Amino acid sequence: MTSLSSGDFDAAKFYAGKWRGAVEVSGTSVYGTTSGSESMLDVNVEEGGTFTIEPLEAHKDLLATDGTWEGSDSELTLATVDGKQIKLTVVDDTTLSANPADFGIDDFDKITFVLY
């Protein structure tokens, strides 16, 4: 279920959509990408308060799950069906940032999600 944290902020309108998560790489990554950005997974946020996490084809080993979400003007919290809480911080109107380890991604400082 969505929540509001201030005045006229509409969490469902702000978060609903597909958010593509990518990590920044330098050199050659274990996935073969050289410098730049490596797309890893999508978080599909539905207006009704549910979400799904779907790894991209090259990263099928990453977290794939669903659950419910709550959002404020500064943070999106995903509650997975197995009880895990994943927090994504708002960077700007089309960008979120999170801890990659929460999605099963090791050796990176952050994962950045853009509204896709």
Protein backbone atom coordinates (compact mmCIF):
# COMPACT_ATOMS: atom_id res chain seq x y z
CA MET A 1 0.00 0.00 0.00
CA THR A 2 1.25 3.50 -0.73
CA SER A 3 1.73 6.24 1.79
CA LEU A 4 2.09 9.98 1.60
CA SER A 5 4.77 11.86 3.47
CA SER A 6 3.90 15.43 2.62
CA GLY A 7 1.09 17.60 1.31
CA ASP A 8 0.24 16.76 -2.27
CA PHE A 9 2.86 14.06 -2.95
CA ASP A 10 1.20 11.16 -4.81
CA ALA A 11 3.38 8.09 -4.25
CA ALA A 12 1.43 5.92 -6.71
CA LYS A 13 1.81 8.48 -9.50
CA PHE A 14 5.50 9.09 -8.73
CA TYR A 15 6.66 5.45 -8.42
CA ALA A 16 4.36 3.52 -10.78
CA GLY A 17 6.27 2.19 -13.77
CA LYS A 18 9.33 0.18 -14.72
CA TRP A 19 12.57 1.12 -12.95
CA ARG A 20 15.70 -0.33 -14.62
CA GLY A 21 18.60 -0.93 -12.25
CA ALA A 22 22.23 -0.64 -13.38
CA VAL A 23 25.65 -0.59 -11.75
CA GLU A 24 28.64 1.47 -12.84
CA VAL A 25 31.59 -0.61 -14.03
CA SER A 26 35.18 0.24 -14.80
CA GLY A 27 37.56 -2.07 -16.56
CA THR A 28 35.98 -5.36 -17.57
CA SER A 29 33.22 -6.75 -15.35
CA VAL A 30 32.58 -10.42 -14.70
CA TYR A 31 29.72 -10.01 -17.16
CA GLY A 32 32.04 -8.79 -19.95
CA THR A 33 31.06 -5.11 -19.87
CA THR A 34 33.94 -2.64 -20.12
CA SER A 35 33.50 0.70 -18.36
CA GLY A 36 30.15 2.39 -18.24
CA SER A 37 26.86 1.01 -17.00
CA GLU A 38 25.66 -2.59 -16.75
CA SER A 39 21.86 -3.03 -16.63
CA MET A 40 20.95 -5.74 -14.13
CA LEU A 41 17.22 -5.91 -13.35
CA ASP A 42 13.84 -4.22 -13.48
CA VAL A 43 11.58 -3.27 -10.59
CA ASN A 44 8.02 -2.99 -11.86
CA VAL A 45 5.96 -0.85 -9.48
CA GLU A 46 2.17 -1.03 -9.84
CA GLU A 47 -0.16 1.78 -8.72
CA GLY A 48 -2.16 -0.71 -6.64
CA GLY A 49 0.71 -1.18 -4.17
CA THR A 50 2.44 -4.28 -5.57
CA PHE A 51 5.78 -4.77 -7.35
CA THR A 52 7.85 -7.41 -9.12
CA ILE A 53 11.63 -7.66 -9.43
CA GLU A 54 12.75 -9.26 -12.70
CA PRO A 55 16.45 -9.84 -13.51
CA LEU A 56 17.48 -9.20 -17.10
CA GLU A 57 18.34 -12.21 -19.27
CA ALA A 58 22.11 -11.97 -18.65
CA HIS A 59 21.56 -11.84 -14.87
CA LYS A 60 19.02 -14.59 -14.15
CA ASP A 61 20.95 -15.46 -10.97
CA LEU A 62 19.84 -12.22 -9.28
CA LEU A 63 16.85 -11.72 -6.98
CA ALA A 64 13.47 -12.37 -8.62
CA THR A 65 10.49 -11.77 -6.35
CA ASP A 66 7.40 -9.72 -5.74
CA GLY A 67 5.57 -8.09 -2.86
CA THR A 68 4.10 -4.79 -1.75
CA TRP A 69 5.54 -1.31 -1.59
CA GLU A 70 5.21 1.96 0.33
CA GLY A 71 6.57 5.27 -0.82
CA SER A 72 7.28 8.74 0.46
CA ASP A 73 8.74 11.75 -1.31
CA SER A 74 12.24 10.56 -0.33
CA GLU A 75 12.14 6.75 -0.25
CA LEU A 76 10.52 3.67 -1.79
CA THR A 77 10.35 0.60 0.45
CA LEU A 78 9.79 -2.82 -1.08
CA ALA A 79 8.47 -5.59 1.20
CA THR A 80 9.14 -8.93 -0.50
CA VAL A 81 6.92 -11.99 -0.06
CA ASP A 82 9.62 -13.58 2.12
CA GLY A 83 9.65 -10.59 4.49
CA LYS A 84 12.77 -8.79 3.24
CA GLN A 85 12.72 -4.97 3.25
CA ILE A 86 14.55 -3.17 0.42
CA LYS A 87 14.92 0.60 0.53
CA LEU A 88 15.47 2.76 -2.56
CA THR A 89 16.34 6.44 -2.07
CA VAL A 90 15.01 9.16 -4.36
CA VAL A 91 17.81 10.95 -6.22
CA ASP A 92 15.56 13.01 -8.52
CA ASP A 93 12.24 12.72 -10.42
CA THR A 94 13.44 9.79 -12.55
CA THR A 95 16.28 8.24 -10.51
CA LEU A 96 16.46 6.03 -7.41
CA SER A 97 19.53 4.57 -5.67
CA ALA A 98 19.89 1.43 -3.53
CA ASN A 99 22.30 -1.09 -2.04
CA PRO A 100 23.09 -3.67 -4.75
CA ALA A 101 23.57 -6.43 -2.15
CA ASP A 102 19.82 -6.23 -1.43
CA PHE A 103 19.29 -7.57 -4.97
CA GLY A 104 22.01 -10.24 -4.82
CA ILE A 105 24.64 -8.11 -6.55
CA ASP A 106 28.09 -8.20 -4.91
CA ASP A 107 31.15 -5.95 -5.24
CA PHE A 108 29.39 -2.69 -6.16
CA ASP A 109 28.75 0.37 -3.98
CA LYS A 110 25.34 1.28 -5.40
CA ILE A 111 22.76 0.40 -7.98
CA THR A 112 20.97 3.23 -9.74
CA PHE A 113 17.43 2.86 -11.05
CA VAL A 114 15.99 5.06 -13.79
CA LEU A 115 12.37 5.24 -14.82
CA TYR A 116 12.38 3.24 -18.01
